Amino acid sequence: MVVFSEGASASALGVATFQTALISALLLSGLLCDRFGIGVEEKKYFTPWRITGALFAVIATIFVVSPQWHSTSFILLAILPFLAGLLAGWQPAGNAKVAEATGSMLVSITWNFIVGFCVLGAALA
């Protein structure tokens, strides 16, 4: 999803806007993964500092996108990297669980490549 959203939106949004939207969503999904204990040995609780950091990232995204509020297509393009970031945040957590269960990161790497290749192939077909 990250690669697809990058190809579909980065040139129109600009790299900084793309990355700001992506990273703010990665932070949010990372907080949720930590809180639910996905990919980590023990659950990590929300702290004021962690929440504040994530809020700053989301606010930064709003600031970067706000000059273009009048452009619906721009806003929709900005949503793509945000959604990709929400989904991509779960990938390291899932990879860690698979590596733990199988004893090797090669299983995760192989499946990430296969699934990514198939999804991109289907999206571009």
C-alpha atoms as a PDB file:
ATOM      1  CA  MET A   1       0.000   0.000   0.000  1.00  0.00           C
ATOM      2  CA  VAL A   2       2.878   2.370   0.765  1.00  0.00           C
ATOM      3  CA  VAL A   3       4.459   1.847  -2.643  1.00  0.00           C
ATOM      4  CA  PHE A   4       1.110   2.218  -4.407  1.00  0.00           C
ATOM      5  CA  SER A   5       0.201   5.408  -2.532  1.00  0.00           C
ATOM      6  CA  GLU A   6       3.683   6.790  -3.172  1.00  0.00           C
ATOM      7  CA  GLY A   7       3.352   6.236  -6.895  1.00  0.00           C
ATOM      8  CA  ALA A   8      -0.194   7.563  -6.981  1.00  0.00           C
ATOM      9  CA  SER A   9       0.235  10.656  -4.830  1.00  0.00           C
ATOM     10  CA  ALA A  10       3.811  11.738  -4.048  1.00  0.00           C
ATOM     11  CA  SER A  11       4.353  13.687  -7.264  1.00  0.00           C
ATOM     12  CA  ALA A  12       1.069  15.589  -6.879  1.00  0.00           C
ATOM     13  CA  LEU A  13       1.368  16.184  -3.134  1.00  0.00           C
ATOM     14  CA  GLY A  14       5.092  16.732  -2.922  1.00  0.00           C
ATOM     15  CA  VAL A  15       7.439  14.462  -1.032  1.00  0.00           C
ATOM     16  CA  ALA A  16       7.216  16.372   2.265  1.00  0.00           C
ATOM     17  CA  THR A  17       3.410  16.230   2.353  1.00  0.00           C
ATOM     18  CA  PHE A  18       3.442  12.555   1.385  1.00  0.00           C
ATOM     19  CA  GLN A  19       5.955  11.693   4.107  1.00  0.00           C
ATOM     20  CA  THR A  20       4.233  13.777   6.769  1.00  0.00           C
ATOM     21  CA  ALA A  21       0.911  11.998   6.174  1.00  0.00           C
ATOM     22  CA  LEU A  22       2.577   8.578   6.046  1.00  0.00           C
ATOM     23  CA  ILE A  23       4.666   9.049   9.180  1.00  0.00           C
ATOM     24  CA  SER A  24       1.856  10.491  11.296  1.00  0.00           C
ATOM     25  CA  ALA A  25      -0.263   7.427  10.536  1.00  0.00           C
ATOM     26  CA  LEU A  26       2.698   5.112  11.208  1.00  0.00           C
ATOM     27  CA  LEU A  27       3.025   6.674  14.654  1.00  0.00           C
ATOM     28  CA  LEU A  28      -0.671   6.187  15.395  1.00  0.00           C
ATOM     29  CA  SER A  29      -0.706   2.555  14.300  1.00  0.00           C
ATOM     30  CA  GLY A  30       2.541   1.938  16.177  1.00  0.00           C
ATOM     31  CA  LEU A  31       0.951   3.251  19.356  1.00  0.00           C
ATOM     32  CA  LEU A  32      -1.969   0.859  18.884  1.00  0.00           C
ATOM     33  CA  CYS A  33       0.304  -2.120  18.179  1.00  0.00           C
ATOM     34  CA  ASP A  34       2.313  -1.372  21.315  1.00  0.00           C
ATOM     35  CA  ARG A  35      -0.817  -0.903  23.410  1.00  0.00           C
ATOM     36  CA  PHE A  36      -2.362  -4.200  22.295  1.00  0.00           C
ATOM     37  CA  GLY A  37       0.942  -6.056  22.596  1.00  0.00           C
ATOM     38  CA  ILE A  38       1.192  -6.885  18.897  1.00  0.00           C
ATOM     39  CA  GLY A  39       4.808  -7.492  17.922  1.00  0.00           C
ATOM     40  CA  VAL A  40       6.212  -6.698  21.363  1.00  0.00           C
ATOM     41  CA  GLU A  41       6.821  -8.948  24.347  1.00  0.00           C
ATOM     42  CA  GLU A  42       4.675  -6.893  26.680  1.00  0.00           C
ATOM     43  CA  LYS A  43       2.034  -4.245  26.175  1.00  0.00           C
ATOM     44  CA  LYS A  44       3.258  -0.672  26.205  1.00  0.00           C
ATOM     45  CA  TYR A  45       0.829   1.736  27.780  1.00  0.00           C
ATOM     46  CA  PHE A  46      -0.054   5.141  26.438  1.00  0.00           C
ATOM     47  CA  THR A  47       1.936   7.843  28.152  1.00  0.00           C
ATOM     48  CA  PRO A  48       1.436  11.583  27.892  1.00  0.00           C
ATOM     49  CA  TRP A  49       4.711  11.888  25.955  1.00  0.00           C
ATOM     50  CA  ARG A  50       3.834   9.192  23.434  1.00  0.00           C
ATOM     51  CA  ILE A  51       0.356  10.605  22.873  1.00  0.00           C
ATOM     52  CA  THR A  52       1.716  14.149  22.580  1.00  0.00           C
ATOM     53  CA  GLY A  53       4.277  13.047  20.000  1.00  0.00           C
ATOM     54  CA  ALA A  54       1.623  11.317  17.905  1.00  0.00           C
ATOM     55  CA  LEU A  55      -0.687  14.336  18.163  1.00  0.00           C
ATOM     56  CA  PHE A  56       2.108  16.642  17.009  1.00  0.00           C
ATOM     57  CA  ALA A  57       2.607  14.424  13.971  1.00  0.00           C
ATOM     58  CA  VAL A  58      -1.103  14.496  13.099  1.00  0.00           C
ATOM     59  CA  ILE A  59      -1.231  18.266  13.632  1.00  0.00           C
ATOM     60  CA  ALA A  60       1.817  18.632  11.372  1.00  0.00           C
ATOM     61  CA  THR A  61      -0.047  16.716   8.678  1.00  0.00           C
ATOM     62  CA  ILE A  62      -3.040  19.018   9.033  1.00  0.00           C
ATOM     63  CA  PHE A  63      -0.774  22.073   8.755  1.00  0.00           C
ATOM     64  CA  VAL A  64       0.950  20.727   5.657  1.00  0.00           C
ATOM     65  CA  VAL A  65      -2.335  19.873   3.923  1.00  0.00           C
ATOM     66  CA  SER A  66      -4.392  22.877   5.107  1.00  0.00           C
ATOM     67  CA  PRO A  67      -3.404  25.328   2.339  1.00  0.00           C
ATOM     68  CA  GLN A  68      -5.101  22.945  -0.101  1.00  0.00           C
ATOM     69  CA  TRP A  69      -8.428  22.403   1.760  1.00  0.00           C
ATOM     70  CA  HIS A  70     -10.318  23.783  -1.240  1.00  0.00           C
ATOM     71  CA  SER A  71      -9.009  20.996  -3.489  1.00  0.00           C
ATOM     72  CA  THR A  72     -10.940  17.778  -2.960  1.00  0.00           C
ATOM     73  CA  SER A  73      -8.553  15.810  -5.164  1.00  0.00           C
ATOM     74  CA  PHE A  74      -5.558  17.012  -3.119  1.00  0.00           C
ATOM     75  CA  ILE A  75      -7.229  15.962   0.135  1.00  0.00           C
ATOM     76  CA  LEU A  76      -8.112  12.557  -1.305  1.00  0.00           C
ATOM     77  CA  LEU A  77      -4.527  12.107  -2.462  1.00  0.00           C
ATOM     78  CA  ALA A  78      -3.287  13.046   1.023  1.00  0.00           C
ATOM     79  CA  ILE A  79      -5.537  10.382   2.528  1.00  0.00           C
ATOM     80  CA  LEU A  80      -3.746   7.656   0.522  1.00  0.00           C
ATOM     81  CA  PRO A  81      -0.398   7.868   2.362  1.00  0.00           C
ATOM     82  CA  PHE A  82      -2.235   8.285   5.662  1.00  0.00           C
ATOM     83  CA  LEU A  83      -4.159   5.043   5.084  1.00  0.00           C
ATOM     84  CA  ALA A  84      -0.966   3.362   3.924  1.00  0.00           C
ATOM     85  CA  GLY A  85       0.730   4.450   7.134  1.00  0.00           C
ATOM     86  CA  LEU A  86      -2.097   3.069   9.251  1.00  0.00           C
ATOM     87  CA  LEU A  87      -1.727  -0.291   7.536  1.00  0.00           C
ATOM     88  CA  ALA A  88       2.075  -0.271   7.346  1.00  0.00           C
ATOM     89  CA  GLY A  89       2.375   0.278  11.077  1.00  0.00           C
ATOM     90  CA  TRP A  90       1.054  -3.221  11.654  1.00  0.00           C
ATOM     91  CA  GLN A  91       3.586  -4.827   9.302  1.00  0.00           C
ATOM     92  CA  PRO A  92       6.613  -4.750  11.648  1.00  0.00           C
ATOM     93  CA  ALA A  93       4.420  -6.084  14.446  1.00  0.00           C
ATOM     94  CA  GLY A  94       3.196  -8.950  12.291  1.00  0.00           C
ATOM     95  CA  ASN A  95       6.692  -9.623  10.984  1.00  0.00           C
ATOM     96  CA  ALA A  96       7.995  -9.859  14.539  1.00  0.00           C
ATOM     97  CA  LYS A  97       5.309 -12.394  15.460  1.00  0.00           C
ATOM     98  CA  VAL A  98       5.996 -14.497  12.357  1.00  0.00           C
ATOM     99  CA  ALA A  99       9.747 -14.407  13.018  1.00  0.00           C
ATOM    100  CA  GLU A 100       9.148 -15.416  16.614  1.00  0.00           C
ATOM    101  CA  ALA A 101       6.904 -18.313  15.580  1.00  0.00           C
ATOM    102  CA  THR A 102       9.142 -19.574  12.768  1.00  0.00           C
ATOM    103  CA  GLY A 103      12.557 -18.679  14.128  1.00  0.00           C
ATOM    104  CA  SER A 104      13.473 -16.767  10.967  1.00  0.00           C
ATOM    105  CA  MET A 105      12.797 -13.374   9.423  1.00  0.00           C
ATOM    106  CA  LEU A 106      13.137 -14.977   5.979  1.00  0.00           C
ATOM    107  CA  VAL A 107       9.551 -16.218   6.175  1.00  0.00           C
ATOM    108  CA  SER A 108       8.250 -12.672   6.716  1.00  0.00           C
ATOM    109  CA  ILE A 109      10.536 -11.235   4.061  1.00  0.00           C
ATOM    110  CA  THR A 110       9.432 -13.816   1.512  1.00  0.00           C
ATOM    111  CA  TRP A 111       5.722 -13.366   2.201  1.00  0.00           C
ATOM    112  CA  ASN A 112       6.039  -9.563   2.200  1.00  0.00           C
ATOM    113  CA  PHE A 113       7.646  -9.727  -1.220  1.00  0.00           C
ATOM    114  CA  ILE A 114       5.086 -12.179  -2.639  1.00  0.00           C
ATOM    115  CA  VAL A 115       2.048 -10.313  -1.317  1.00  0.00           C
ATOM    116  CA  GLY A 116       3.427  -6.892  -2.270  1.00  0.00           C
ATOM    117  CA  PHE A 117       4.289  -8.068  -5.768  1.00  0.00           C
ATOM    118  CA  CYS A 118       0.826  -9.585  -6.284  1.00  0.00           C
ATOM    119  CA  VAL A 119      -1.043  -6.560  -4.909  1.00  0.00           C
ATOM    120  CA  LEU A 120       0.974  -4.115  -7.010  1.00  0.00           C
ATOM    121  CA  GLY A 121       0.551  -6.343 -10.045  1.00  0.00           C
ATOM    122  CA  ALA A 122      -3.210  -6.439  -9.518  1.00  0.00           C
ATOM    123  CA  ALA A 123      -3.375  -2.672  -8.950  1.00  0.00           C
ATOM    124  CA  LEU A 124      -1.438  -1.941 -12.119  1.00  0.00           C
ATOM    125  CA  ALA A 125      -3.231  -4.506 -14.291  1.00  0.00           C
END
